[in-house]
């Protein structure tokens, strides 16, 4: 979940310090980012 409504084109997703340009989607209805592949697990660091 995101804490504020984003300007969608500015969203950047990082997993363990590496930017992910695909395999995630933004849902404006729930104001959240969802991973579709290589879903983060224990010990992974996600930064949006």
ModelCIF file with pLDDT and N, C-alpha, C, O atoms, coordinates in Angstrom:
data_MODEL
#
_entry.id   MODEL 
#
_entity.id                         1 
_entity.type                       polymer 
_entity.pdbx_number_of_molecules   1 
#
_entity_poly.entity_id                      1 
_entity_poly.type                           'polypeptide(L)' 
_entity_poly.nstd_linkage                   no 
_entity_poly.nstd_monomer                   no 
_entity_poly.pdbx_seq_one_letter_code       
;(UNK)(UNK)(UNK)(UNK)(UNK)(UNK)(UNK)(UNK)(UNK)(UNK)(UNK)(UNK)(UNK)(UNK)(UNK)(UNK)
(UNK)(UNK)(UNK)(UNK)(UNK)(UNK)(UNK)(UNK)(UNK)(UNK)(UNK)(UNK)(UNK)(UNK)(UNK)(UNK)
(UNK)(UNK)(UNK)(UNK)(UNK)(UNK)(UNK)(UNK)(UNK)(UNK)(UNK)(UNK)(UNK)(UNK)(UNK)(UNK)
;
_entity_poly.pdbx_seq_one_letter_code_can   XXXXXXXXXXXXXXXXXXXXXXXXXXXXXXXXXXXXXXXXXXXXXXXX 
_entity_poly.pdbx_strand_id                 A 
#
loop_
_entity_poly_seq.entity_id 
_entity_poly_seq.num 
_entity_poly_seq.mon_id 
_entity_poly_seq.hetero 
1 1  UNK n 
1 2  UNK n 
1 3  UNK n 
1 4  UNK n 
1 5  UNK n 
1 6  UNK n 
1 7  UNK n 
1 8  UNK n 
1 9  UNK n 
1 10 UNK n 
1 11 UNK n 
1 12 UNK n 
1 13 UNK n 
1 14 UNK n 
1 15 UNK n 
1 16 UNK n 
1 17 UNK n 
1 18 UNK n 
1 19 UNK n 
1 20 UNK n 
1 21 UNK n 
1 22 UNK n 
1 23 UNK n 
1 24 UNK n 
1 25 UNK n 
1 26 UNK n 
1 27 UNK n 
1 28 UNK n 
1 29 UNK n 
1 30 UNK n 
1 31 UNK n 
1 32 UNK n 
1 33 UNK n 
1 34 UNK n 
1 35 UNK n 
1 36 UNK n 
1 37 UNK n 
1 38 UNK n 
1 39 UNK n 
1 40 UNK n 
1 41 UNK n 
1 42 UNK n 
1 43 UNK n 
1 44 UNK n 
1 45 UNK n 
1 46 UNK n 
1 47 UNK n 
1 48 UNK n 
#
_struct_asym.id          A 
_struct_asym.entity_id   1 
#
loop_
_ma_qa_metric.id 
_ma_qa_metric.mode 
_ma_qa_metric.name 
_ma_qa_metric.software_group_id 
_ma_qa_metric.type 
1 global pLDDT . pLDDT 
2 local  pLDDT . pLDDT 
#
_ma_qa_metric_global.metric_id      1 
_ma_qa_metric_global.metric_value   91.81 
_ma_qa_metric_global.model_id       1 
_ma_qa_metric_global.ordinal_id     1 
#
loop_
_ma_qa_metric_local.label_asym_id 
_ma_qa_metric_local.label_comp_id 
_ma_qa_metric_local.label_seq_id 
_ma_qa_metric_local.metric_id 
_ma_qa_metric_local.metric_value 
_ma_qa_metric_local.model_id 
_ma_qa_metric_local.ordinal_id 
A UNK 1  2 92.00 1 1  
A UNK 2  2 94.00 1 2  
A UNK 3  2 93.00 1 3  
A UNK 4  2 95.00 1 4  
A UNK 5  2 95.00 1 5  
A UNK 6  2 97.00 1 6  
A UNK 7  2 96.00 1 7  
A UNK 8  2 96.00 1 8  
A UNK 9  2 96.00 1 9  
A UNK 10 2 97.00 1 10 
A UNK 11 2 97.00 1 11 
A UNK 12 2 97.00 1 12 
A UNK 13 2 96.00 1 13 
A UNK 14 2 96.00 1 14 
A UNK 15 2 92.00 1 15 
A UNK 16 2 94.00 1 16 
A UNK 17 2 95.00 1 17 
A UNK 18 2 95.00 1 18 
A UNK 19 2 96.00 1 19 
A UNK 20 2 93.00 1 20 
A UNK 21 2 91.00 1 21 
A UNK 22 2 93.00 1 22 
A UNK 23 2 91.00 1 23 
A UNK 24 2 95.00 1 24 
A UNK 25 2 94.00 1 25 
A UNK 26 2 96.00 1 26 
A UNK 27 2 94.00 1 27 
A UNK 28 2 95.00 1 28 
A UNK 29 2 94.00 1 29 
A UNK 30 2 93.00 1 30 
A UNK 31 2 95.00 1 31 
A UNK 32 2 93.00 1 32 
A UNK 33 2 94.00 1 33 
A UNK 34 2 91.00 1 34 
A UNK 35 2 90.00 1 35 
A UNK 36 2 86.00 1 36 
A UNK 37 2 82.00 1 37 
A UNK 38 2 81.00 1 38 
A UNK 39 2 80.00 1 39 
A UNK 40 2 81.00 1 40 
A UNK 41 2 78.00 1 41 
A UNK 42 2 77.00 1 42 
A UNK 43 2 83.00 1 43 
A UNK 44 2 86.00 1 44 
A UNK 45 2 90.00 1 45 
A UNK 46 2 92.00 1 46 
A UNK 47 2 95.00 1 47 
A UNK 48 2 95.00 1 48 
#
loop_
_atom_site.group_PDB 
_atom_site.id 
_atom_site.type_symbol 
_atom_site.label_atom_id 
_atom_site.label_alt_id 
_atom_site.label_comp_id 
_atom_site.label_asym_id 
_atom_site.label_entity_id 
_atom_site.label_seq_id 
_atom_site.pdbx_PDB_ins_code 
_atom_site.Cartn_x 
_atom_site.Cartn_y 
_atom_site.Cartn_z 
_atom_site.occupancy 
_atom_site.B_iso_or_equiv 
_atom_site.pdbx_formal_charge 
_atom_site.auth_seq_id 
_atom_site.auth_comp_id 
_atom_site.auth_asym_id 
_atom_site.auth_atom_id 
_atom_site.pdbx_PDB_model_num 
ATOM 1   N N  . UNK A 1 1  ? 0.838  -1.199  0.000   1.00 92.00 ? 1  UNK A N  1 
ATOM 2   C CA . UNK A 1 1  ? 0.000  0.000   0.000   1.00 92.00 ? 1  UNK A CA 1 
ATOM 3   C C  . UNK A 1 1  ? 0.873  1.249   0.000   1.00 92.00 ? 1  UNK A C  1 
ATOM 4   O O  . UNK A 1 1  ? 1.918  1.290   0.649   1.00 92.00 ? 1  UNK A O  1 
ATOM 5   N N  . UNK A 1 2  ? 0.430  2.269   -0.738  1.00 94.00 ? 2  UNK A N  1 
ATOM 6   C CA . UNK A 1 2  ? 1.130  3.549   -0.764  1.00 94.00 ? 2  UNK A CA 1 
ATOM 7   C C  . UNK A 1 2  ? 0.460  4.498   0.218   1.00 94.00 ? 2  UNK A C  1 
ATOM 8   O O  . UNK A 1 2  ? -0.749 4.417   0.436   1.00 94.00 ? 2  UNK A O  1 
ATOM 9   N N  . UNK A 1 3  ? 1.233  5.389   0.806   1.00 93.00 ? 3  UNK A N  1 
ATOM 10  C CA . UNK A 1 3  ? 0.678  6.290   1.820   1.00 93.00 ? 3  UNK A CA 1 
ATOM 11  C C  . UNK A 1 3  ? -0.021 7.506   1.228   1.00 93.00 ? 3  UNK A C  1 
ATOM 12  O O  . UNK A 1 3  ? -0.855 8.128   1.886   1.00 93.00 ? 3  UNK A O  1 
ATOM 13  N N  . UNK A 1 4  ? 0.322  7.849   -0.024  1.00 95.00 ? 4  UNK A N  1 
ATOM 14  C CA . UNK A 1 4  ? -0.300 8.980   -0.701  1.00 95.00 ? 4  UNK A CA 1 
ATOM 15  C C  . UNK A 1 4  ? -0.649 8.576   -2.124  1.00 95.00 ? 4  UNK A C  1 
ATOM 16  O O  . UNK A 1 4  ? -0.125 7.592   -2.646  1.00 95.00 ? 4  UNK A O  1 
ATOM 17  N N  . UNK A 1 5  ? -1.539 9.343   -2.750  1.00 95.00 ? 5  UNK A N  1 
ATOM 18  C CA . UNK A 1 5  ? -1.865 9.088   -4.151  1.00 95.00 ? 5  UNK A CA 1 
ATOM 19  C C  . UNK A 1 5  ? -0.696 9.564   -5.009  1.00 95.00 ? 5  UNK A C  1 
ATOM 20  O O  . UNK A 1 5  ? -0.301 10.726  -4.912  1.00 95.00 ? 5  UNK A O  1 
ATOM 21  N N  . UNK A 1 6  ? -0.138 8.695   -5.842  1.00 97.00 ? 6  UNK A N  1 
ATOM 22  C CA . UNK A 1 6  ? 1.029  9.094   -6.628  1.00 97.00 ? 6  UNK A CA 1 
ATOM 23  C C  . UNK A 1 6  ? 0.652  9.648   -7.994  1.00 97.00 ? 6  UNK A C  1 
ATOM 24  O O  . UNK A 1 6  ? -0.437 9.396   -8.510  1.00 97.00 ? 6  UNK A O  1 
ATOM 25  N N  . UNK A 1 7  ? 1.576  10.405  -8.562  1.00 96.00 ? 7  UNK A N  1 
ATOM 26  C CA . UNK A 1 7  ? 1.509  10.672  -9.998  1.00 96.00 ? 7  UNK A CA 1 
ATOM 27  C C  . UNK A 1 7  ? 2.049  9.390   -10.615 1.00 96.00 ? 7  UNK A C  1 
ATOM 28  O O  . UNK A 1 7  ? 3.230  9.071   -10.487 1.00 96.00 ? 7  UNK A O  1 
ATOM 29  N N  . UNK A 1 8  ? 1.174  8.670   -11.278 1.00 96.00 ? 8  UNK A N  1 
ATOM 30  C CA . UNK A 1 8  ? 1.489  7.293   -11.677 1.00 96.00 ? 8  UNK A CA 1 
ATOM 31  C C  . UNK A 1 8  ? 2.776  7.174   -12.484 1.00 96.00 ? 8  UNK A C  1 
ATOM 32  O O  . UNK A 1 8  ? 3.524  6.212   -12.309 1.00 96.00 ? 8  UNK A O  1 
ATOM 33  N N  . UNK A 1 9  ? 3.044  8.123   -13.353 1.00 96.00 ? 9  UNK A N  1 
ATOM 34  C CA . UNK A 1 9  ? 4.235  8.038   -14.201 1.00 96.00 ? 9  UNK A CA 1 
ATOM 35  C C  . UNK A 1 9  ? 5.539  8.183   -13.417 1.00 96.00 ? 9  UNK A C  1 
ATOM 36  O O  . UNK A 1 9  ? 6.612  7.910   -13.956 1.00 96.00 ? 9  UNK A O  1 
ATOM 37  N N  . UNK A 1 10 ? 5.467  8.606   -12.160 1.00 97.00 ? 10 UNK A N  1 
ATOM 38  C CA . UNK A 1 10 ? 6.683  8.801   -11.370 1.00 97.00 ? 10 UNK A CA 1 
ATOM 39  C C  . UNK A 1 10 ? 7.001  7.615   -10.457 1.00 97.00 ? 10 UNK A C  1 
ATOM 40  O O  . UNK A 1 10 ? 8.014  7.641   -9.758  1.00 97.00 ? 10 UNK A O  1 
ATOM 41  N N  . UNK A 1 11 ? 6.171  6.592   -10.447 1.00 97.00 ? 11 UNK A N  1 
ATOM 42  C CA . UNK A 1 11 ? 6.395  5.444   -9.556  1.00 97.00 ? 11 UNK A CA 1 
ATOM 43  C C  . UNK A 1 11 ? 7.637  4.680   -9.995  1.00 97.00 ? 11 UNK A C  1 
ATOM 44  O O  . UNK A 1 11 ? 7.794  4.329   -11.165 1.00 97.00 ? 11 UNK A O  1 
ATOM 45  N N  . UNK A 1 12 ? 8.510  4.432   -9.031  1.00 97.00 ? 12 UNK A N  1 
ATOM 46  C CA . UNK A 1 12 ? 9.694  3.595   -9.246  1.00 97.00 ? 12 UNK A CA 1 
ATOM 47  C C  . UNK A 1 12 ? 9.708  2.543   -8.143  1.00 97.00 ? 12 UNK A C  1 
ATOM 48  O O  . UNK A 1 12 ? 9.496  2.854   -6.971  1.00 97.00 ? 12 UNK A O  1 
ATOM 49  N N  . UNK A 1 13 ? 9.958  1.297   -8.531  1.00 96.00 ? 13 UNK A N  1 
ATOM 50  C CA . UNK A 1 13 ? 9.946  0.184   -7.593  1.00 96.00 ? 13 UNK A CA 1 
ATOM 51  C C  . UNK A 1 13 ? 11.342 -0.429  -7.533  1.00 96.00 ? 13 UNK A C  1 
ATOM 52  O O  . UNK A 1 13 ? 11.944 -0.728  -8.564  1.00 96.00 ? 13 UNK A O  1 
ATOM 53  N N  . UNK A 1 14 ? 11.848 -0.613  -6.320  1.00 96.00 ? 14 UNK A N  1 
ATOM 54  C CA . UNK A 1 14 ? 13.161 -1.189  -6.101  1.00 96.00 ? 14 UNK A CA 1 
ATOM 55  C C  . UNK A 1 14 ? 13.029 -2.428  -5.215  1.00 96.00 ? 14 UNK A C  1 
ATOM 56  O O  . UNK A 1 14 ? 12.294 -2.419  -4.227  1.00 96.00 ? 14 UNK A O  1 
ATOM 57  N N  . UNK A 1 15 ? 13.736 -3.476  -5.574  1.00 92.00 ? 15 UNK A N  1 
ATOM 58  C CA . UNK A 1 15 ? 13.795 -4.689  -4.762  1.00 92.00 ? 15 UNK A CA 1 
ATOM 59  C C  . UNK A 1 15 ? 15.260 -4.962  -4.467  1.00 92.00 ? 15 UNK A C  1 
ATOM 60  O O  . UNK A 1 15 ? 16.053 -5.223  -5.372  1.00 92.00 ? 15 UNK A O  1 
ATOM 61  N N  . UNK A 1 16 ? 15.607 -4.898  -3.191  1.00 94.00 ? 16 UNK A N  1 
ATOM 62  C CA . UNK A 1 16 ? 16.991 -5.089  -2.746  1.00 94.00 ? 16 UNK A CA 1 
ATOM 63  C C  . UNK A 1 16 ? 17.956 -4.140  -3.467  1.00 94.00 ? 16 UNK A C  1 
ATOM 64  O O  . UNK A 1 16 ? 19.066 -4.520  -3.839  1.00 94.00 ? 16 UNK A O  1 
ATOM 65  N N  . UNK A 1 17 ? 17.500 -2.895  -3.654  1.00 95.00 ? 17 UNK A N  1 
ATOM 66  C CA . UNK A 1 17 ? 18.338 -1.867  -4.255  1.00 95.00 ? 17 UNK A CA 1 
ATOM 67  C C  . UNK A 1 17 ? 18.344 -1.838  -5.770  1.00 95.00 ? 17 UNK A C  1 
ATOM 68  O O  . UNK A 1 17 ? 18.919 -0.925  -6.363  1.00 95.00 ? 17 UNK A O  1 
ATOM 69  N N  . UNK A 1 18 ? 17.718 -2.815  -6.413  1.00 95.00 ? 18 UNK A N  1 
ATOM 70  C CA . UNK A 1 18 ? 17.685 -2.875  -7.871  1.00 95.00 ? 18 UNK A CA 1 
ATOM 71  C C  . UNK A 1 18 ? 16.323 -2.430  -8.383  1.00 95.00 ? 18 UNK A C  1 
ATOM 72  O O  . UNK A 1 18 ? 15.293 -2.938  -7.941  1.00 95.00 ? 18 UNK A O  1 
ATOM 73  N N  . UNK A 1 19 ? 16.317 -1.476  -9.320  1.00 96.00 ? 19 UNK A N  1 
ATOM 74  C CA . UNK A 1 19 ? 15.046 -0.992  -9.839  1.00 96.00 ? 19 UNK A CA 1 
ATOM 75  C C  . UNK A 1 19 ? 14.392 -2.072  -10.688 1.00 96.00 ? 19 UNK A C  1 
ATOM 76  O O  . UNK A 1 19 ? 15.034 -2.714  -11.519 1.00 96.00 ? 19 UNK A O  1 
ATOM 77  N N  . UNK A 1 20 ? 13.097 -2.254  -10.456 1.00 93.00 ? 20 UNK A N  1 
ATOM 78  C CA . UNK A 1 20 ? 12.296 -3.192  -11.251 1.00 93.00 ? 20 UNK A CA 1 
ATOM 79  C C  . UNK A 1 20 ? 11.428 -2.377  -12.188 1.00 93.00 ? 20 UNK A C  1 
ATOM 80  O O  . UNK A 1 20 ? 10.554 -1.635  -11.741 1.00 93.00 ? 20 UNK A O  1 
ATOM 81  N N  . UNK A 1 21 ? 11.659 -2.508  -13.471 1.00 91.00 ? 21 UNK A N  1 
ATOM 82  C CA . UNK A 1 21 ? 10.878 -1.747  -14.448 1.00 91.00 ? 21 UNK A CA 1 
ATOM 83  C C  . UNK A 1 21 ? 9.670  -2.520  -14.950 1.00 91.00 ? 21 UNK A C  1 
ATOM 84  O O  . UNK A 1 21 ? 8.848  -1.974  -15.686 1.00 91.00 ? 21 UNK A O  1 
ATOM 85  N N  . UNK A 1 22 ? 9.551  -3.789  -14.561 1.00 93.00 ? 22 UNK A N  1 
ATOM 86  C CA . UNK A 1 22 ? 8.411  -4.599  -14.981 1.00 93.00 ? 22 UNK A CA 1 
ATOM 87  C C  . UNK A 1 22 ? 8.070  -5.606  -13.891 1.00 93.00 ? 22 UNK A C  1 
ATOM 88  O O  . UNK A 1 22 ? 8.733  -5.675  -12.857 1.00 93.00 ? 22 UNK A O  1 
ATOM 89  N N  . UNK A 1 23 ? 7.033  -6.379  -14.141 1.00 91.00 ? 23 UNK A N  1 
ATOM 90  C CA . UNK A 1 23 ? 6.553  -7.410  -13.214 1.00 91.00 ? 23 UNK A CA 1 
ATOM 91  C C  . UNK A 1 23 ? 5.925  -6.836  -11.949 1.00 91.00 ? 23 UNK A C  1 
ATOM 92  O O  . UNK A 1 23 ? 5.896  -7.490  -10.906 1.00 91.00 ? 23 UNK A O  1 
ATOM 93  N N  . UNK A 1 24 ? 5.424  -5.605  -12.052 1.00 95.00 ? 24 UNK A N  1 
ATOM 94  C CA . UNK A 1 24 ? 4.628  -5.012  -10.988 1.00 95.00 ? 24 UNK A CA 1 
ATOM 95  C C  . UNK A 1 24 ? 3.588  -4.116  -11.644 1.00 95.00 ? 24 UNK A C  1 
ATOM 96  O O  . UNK A 1 24 ? 3.768  -3.654  -12.771 1.00 95.00 ? 24 UNK A O  1 
ATOM 97  N N  . UNK A 1 25 ? 2.504  -3.878  -10.926 1.00 94.00 ? 25 UNK A N  1 
ATOM 98  C CA . UNK A 1 25 ? 1.450  -2.988  -11.421 1.00 94.00 ? 25 UNK A CA 1 
ATOM 99  C C  . UNK A 1 25 ? 0.982  -2.074  -10.302 1.00 94.00 ? 25 UNK A C  1 
ATOM 100 O O  . UNK A 1 25 ? 1.051  -2.411  -9.120  1.00 94.00 ? 25 UNK A O  1 
ATOM 101 N N  . UNK A 1 26 ? 0.506  -0.915  -10.710 1.00 96.00 ? 26 UNK A N  1 
ATOM 102 C CA . UNK A 1 26 ? -0.091 0.022   -9.759  1.00 96.00 ? 26 UNK A CA 1 
ATOM 103 C C  . UNK A 1 26 ? -1.600 -0.051  -9.908  1.00 96.00 ? 26 UNK A C  1 
ATOM 104 O O  . UNK A 1 26 ? -2.118 -0.011  -11.023 1.00 96.00 ? 26 UNK A O  1 
ATOM 105 N N  . UNK A 1 27 ? -2.309 -0.158  -8.789  1.00 94.00 ? 27 UNK A N  1 
ATOM 106 C CA . UNK A 1 27 ? -3.776 -0.193  -8.779  1.00 94.00 ? 27 UNK A CA 1 
ATOM 107 C C  . UNK A 1 27 ? -4.267 1.099   -8.129  1.00 94.00 ? 27 UNK A C  1 
ATOM 108 O O  . UNK A 1 27 ? -4.093 1.302   -6.927  1.00 94.00 ? 27 UNK A O  1 
ATOM 109 N N  . UNK A 1 28 ? -4.883 1.974   -8.935  1.00 95.00 ? 28 UNK A N  1 
ATOM 110 C CA . UNK A 1 28 ? -5.332 3.270   -8.419  1.00 95.00 ? 28 UNK A CA 1 
ATOM 111 C C  . UNK A 1 28 ? -6.520 3.128   -7.475  1.00 95.00 ? 28 UNK A C  1 
ATOM 112 O O  . UNK A 1 28 ? -6.736 3.997   -6.631  1.00 95.00 ? 28 UNK A O  1 
ATOM 113 N N  . UNK A 1 29 ? -7.280 2.073   -7.596  1.00 94.00 ? 29 UNK A N  1 
ATOM 114 C CA . UNK A 1 29 ? -8.441 1.880   -6.713  1.00 94.00 ? 29 UNK A CA 1 
ATOM 115 C C  . UNK A 1 29 ? -7.990 1.561   -5.289  1.00 94.00 ? 29 UNK A C  1 
ATOM 116 O O  . UNK A 1 29 ? -8.545 2.090   -4.325  1.00 94.00 ? 29 UNK A O  1 
ATOM 117 N N  . UNK A 1 30 ? -6.991 0.701   -5.159  1.00 93.00 ? 30 UNK A N  1 
ATOM 118 C CA . UNK A 1 30 ? -6.500 0.341   -3.819  1.00 93.00 ? 30 UNK A CA 1 
ATOM 119 C C  . UNK A 1 30 ? -5.270 1.150   -3.417  1.00 93.00 ? 30 UNK A C  1 
ATOM 120 O O  . UNK A 1 30 ? -4.791 1.029   -2.290  1.00 93.00 ? 30 UNK A O  1 
ATOM 121 N N  . UNK A 1 31 ? -4.755 1.975   -4.332  1.00 95.00 ? 31 UNK A N  1 
ATOM 122 C CA . UNK A 1 31 ? -3.548 2.768   -4.114  1.00 95.00 ? 31 UNK A CA 1 
ATOM 123 C C  . UNK A 1 31 ? -2.403 1.878   -3.627  1.00 95.00 ? 31 UNK A C  1 
ATOM 124 O O  . UNK A 1 31 ? -1.796 2.114   -2.583  1.00 95.00 ? 31 UNK A O  1 
ATOM 125 N N  . UNK A 1 32 ? -2.137 0.844   -4.430  1.00 93.00 ? 32 UNK A N  1 
ATOM 126 C CA . UNK A 1 32 ? -1.102 -0.108  -4.044  1.00 93.00 ? 32 UNK A CA 1 
ATOM 127 C C  . UNK A 1 32 ? -0.337 -0.604  -5.264  1.00 93.00 ? 32 UNK A C  1 
ATOM 128 O O  . UNK A 1 32 ? -0.805 -0.518  -6.399  1.00 93.00 ? 32 UNK A O  1 
ATOM 129 N N  . UNK A 1 33 ? 0.854  -1.126  -4.989  1.00 94.00 ? 33 UNK A N  1 
ATOM 130 C CA . UNK A 1 33 ? 1.696  -1.742  -6.002  1.00 94.00 ? 33 UNK A CA 1 
ATOM 131 C C  . UNK A 1 33 ? 1.709  -3.245  -5.730  1.00 94.00 ? 33 UNK A C  1 
ATOM 132 O O  . UNK A 1 33 ? 1.900  -3.681  -4.594  1.00 94.00 ? 33 UNK A O  1 
ATOM 133 N N  . UNK A 1 34 ? 1.503  -4.033  -6.793  1.00 91.00 ? 34 UNK A N  1 
ATOM 134 C CA . UNK A 1 34 ? 1.473  -5.485  -6.658  1.00 91.00 ? 34 UNK A CA 1 
ATOM 135 C C  . UNK A 1 34 ? 2.520  -6.115  -7.571  1.00 91.00 ? 34 UNK A C  1 
ATOM 136 O O  . UNK A 1 34 ? 2.583  -5.816  -8.764  1.00 91.00 ? 34 UNK A O  1 
ATOM 137 N N  . UNK A 1 35 ? 3.335  -6.986  -6.996  1.00 90.00 ? 35 UNK A N  1 
ATOM 138 C CA . UNK A 1 35 ? 4.321  -7.743  -7.756  1.00 90.00 ? 35 UNK A CA 1 
ATOM 139 C C  . UNK A 1 35 ? 3.629  -8.937  -8.404  1.00 90.00 ? 35 UNK A C  1 
ATOM 140 O O  . UNK A 1 35 ? 2.767  -9.565  -7.789  1.00 90.00 ? 35 UNK A O  1 
ATOM 141 N N  . UNK A 1 36 ? 4.006  -9.253  -9.649  1.00 86.00 ? 36 UNK A N  1 
ATOM 142 C CA . UNK A 1 36 ? 3.424  -10.405 -10.338 1.00 86.00 ? 36 UNK A CA 1 
ATOM 143 C C  . UNK A 1 36 ? 4.414  -11.555 -10.489 1.00 86.00 ? 36 UNK A C  1 
ATOM 144 O O  . UNK A 1 36 ? 3.999  -12.704 -10.639 1.00 86.00 ? 36 UNK A O  1 
ATOM 145 N N  . UNK A 1 37 ? 5.705  -11.271 -10.454 1.00 82.00 ? 37 UNK A N  1 
ATOM 146 C CA . UNK A 1 37 ? 6.761  -12.272 -10.611 1.00 82.00 ? 37 UNK A CA 1 
ATOM 147 C C  . UNK A 1 37 ? 7.868  -11.957 -9.612  1.00 82.00 ? 37 UNK A C  1 
ATOM 148 O O  . UNK A 1 37 ? 8.084  -10.794 -9.273  1.00 82.00 ? 37 UNK A O  1 
ATOM 149 N N  . UNK A 1 38 ? 8.571  -12.983 -9.140  1.00 81.00 ? 38 UNK A N  1 
ATOM 150 C CA . UNK A 1 38 ? 9.648  -12.789 -8.158  1.00 81.00 ? 38 UNK A CA 1 
ATOM 151 C C  . UNK A 1 38 ? 9.148  -11.960 -6.979  1.00 81.00 ? 38 UNK A C  1 
ATOM 152 O O  . UNK A 1 38 ? 9.695  -10.904 -6.664  1.00 81.00 ? 38 UNK A O  1 
ATOM 153 N N  . UNK A 1 39 ? 8.110  -12.456 -6.345  1.00 80.00 ? 39 UNK A N  1 
ATOM 154 C CA . UNK A 1 39 ? 7.466  -11.772 -5.232  1.00 80.00 ? 39 UNK A CA 1 
ATOM 155 C C  . UNK A 1 39 ? 8.429  -11.690 -4.052  1.00 80.00 ? 39 UNK A C  1 
ATOM 156 O O  . UNK A 1 39 ? 9.058  -12.689 -3.700  1.00 80.00 ? 39 UNK A O  1 
ATOM 157 N N  . UNK A 1 40 ? 8.554  -10.515 -3.436  1.00 81.00 ? 40 UNK A N  1 
ATOM 158 C CA . UNK A 1 40 ? 9.476  -10.360 -2.314  1.00 81.00 ? 40 UNK A CA 1 
ATOM 159 C C  . UNK A 1 40 ? 9.156  -11.318 -1.171  1.00 81.00 ? 40 UNK A C  1 
ATOM 160 O O  . UNK A 1 40 ? 7.996  -11.597 -0.867  1.00 81.00 ? 40 UNK A O  1 
ATOM 161 N N  . UNK A 1 41 ? 10.213 -11.806 -0.559  1.00 78.00 ? 41 UNK A N  1 
ATOM 162 C CA . UNK A 1 41 ? 10.070 -12.725 0.568   1.00 78.00 ? 41 UNK A CA 1 
ATOM 163 C C  . UNK A 1 41 ? 10.820 -12.210 1.775   1.00 78.00 ? 41 UNK A C  1 
ATOM 164 O O  . UNK A 1 41 ? 11.247 -11.056 1.822   1.00 78.00 ? 41 UNK A O  1 
ATOM 165 N N  . UNK A 1 42 ? 10.970 -13.077 2.740   1.00 77.00 ? 42 UNK A N  1 
ATOM 166 C CA . UNK A 1 42 ? 11.634 -12.725 3.989   1.00 77.00 ? 42 UNK A CA 1 
ATOM 167 C C  . UNK A 1 42 ? 13.044 -12.221 3.713   1.00 77.00 ? 42 UNK A C  1 
ATOM 168 O O  . UNK A 1 42 ? 13.808 -12.862 2.992   1.00 77.00 ? 42 UNK A O  1 
ATOM 169 N N  . UNK A 1 43 ? 13.383 -11.082 4.284   1.00 83.00 ? 43 UNK A N  1 
ATOM 170 C CA . UNK A 1 43 ? 14.709 -10.503 4.117   1.00 83.00 ? 43 UNK A CA 1 
ATOM 171 C C  . UNK A 1 43 ? 14.854 -9.569  2.931   1.00 83.00 ? 43 UNK A C  1 
ATOM 172 O O  . UNK A 1 43 ? 15.835 -8.831  2.843   1.00 83.00 ? 43 UNK A O  1 
ATOM 173 N N  . UNK A 1 44 ? 13.890 -9.588  2.016   1.00 86.00 ? 44 UNK A N  1 
ATOM 174 C CA . UNK A 1 44 ? 13.948 -8.678  0.877   1.00 86.00 ? 44 UNK A CA 1 
ATOM 175 C C  . UNK A 1 44 ? 13.564 -7.267  1.308   1.00 86.00 ? 44 UNK A C  1 
ATOM 176 O O  . UNK A 1 44 ? 12.729 -7.085  2.194   1.00 86.00 ? 44 UNK A O  1 
ATOM 177 N N  . UNK A 1 45 ? 14.178 -6.277  0.677   1.00 90.00 ? 45 UNK A N  1 
ATOM 178 C CA . UNK A 1 45 ? 13.887 -4.879  0.966   1.00 90.00 ? 45 UNK A CA 1 
ATOM 179 C C  . UNK A 1 45 ? 13.179 -4.280  -0.247  1.00 90.00 ? 45 UNK A C  1 
ATOM 180 O O  . UNK A 1 45 ? 13.715 -4.275  -1.355  1.00 90.00 ? 45 UNK A O  1 
ATOM 181 N N  . UNK A 1 46 ? 11.977 -3.780  -0.019  1.00 92.00 ? 46 UNK A N  1 
ATOM 182 C CA . UNK A 1 46 ? 11.188 -3.152  -1.077  1.00 92.00 ? 46 UNK A CA 1 
ATOM 183 C C  . UNK A 1 46 ? 11.121 -1.659  -0.803  1.00 92.00 ? 46 UNK A C  1 
ATOM 184 O O  . UNK A 1 46 ? 10.801 -1.230  0.305   1.00 92.00 ? 46 UNK A O  1 
ATOM 185 N N  . UNK A 1 47 ? 11.430 -0.872  -1.832  1.00 95.00 ? 47 UNK A N  1 
ATOM 186 C CA . UNK A 1 47 ? 11.312 0.580   -1.732  1.00 95.00 ? 47 UNK A CA 1 
ATOM 187 C C  . UNK A 1 47 ? 10.513 1.057   -2.943  1.00 95.00 ? 47 UNK A C  1 
ATOM 188 O O  . UNK A 1 47 ? 10.815 0.707   -4.084  1.00 95.00 ? 47 UNK A O  1 
ATOM 189 N N  . UNK A 1 48 ? 9.498  1.857   -2.670  1.00 95.00 ? 48 UNK A N  1 
ATOM 190 C CA . UNK A 1 48 ? 8.667  2.413   -3.739  1.00 95.00 ? 48 UNK A CA 1 
ATOM 191 C C  . UNK A 1 48 ? 8.707  3.922   -3.594  1.00 95.00 ? 48 UNK A C  1 
ATOM 192 O O  . UNK A 1 48 ? 8.082  4.635   -4.380  1.00 95.00 ? 48 UNK A O  1 
#
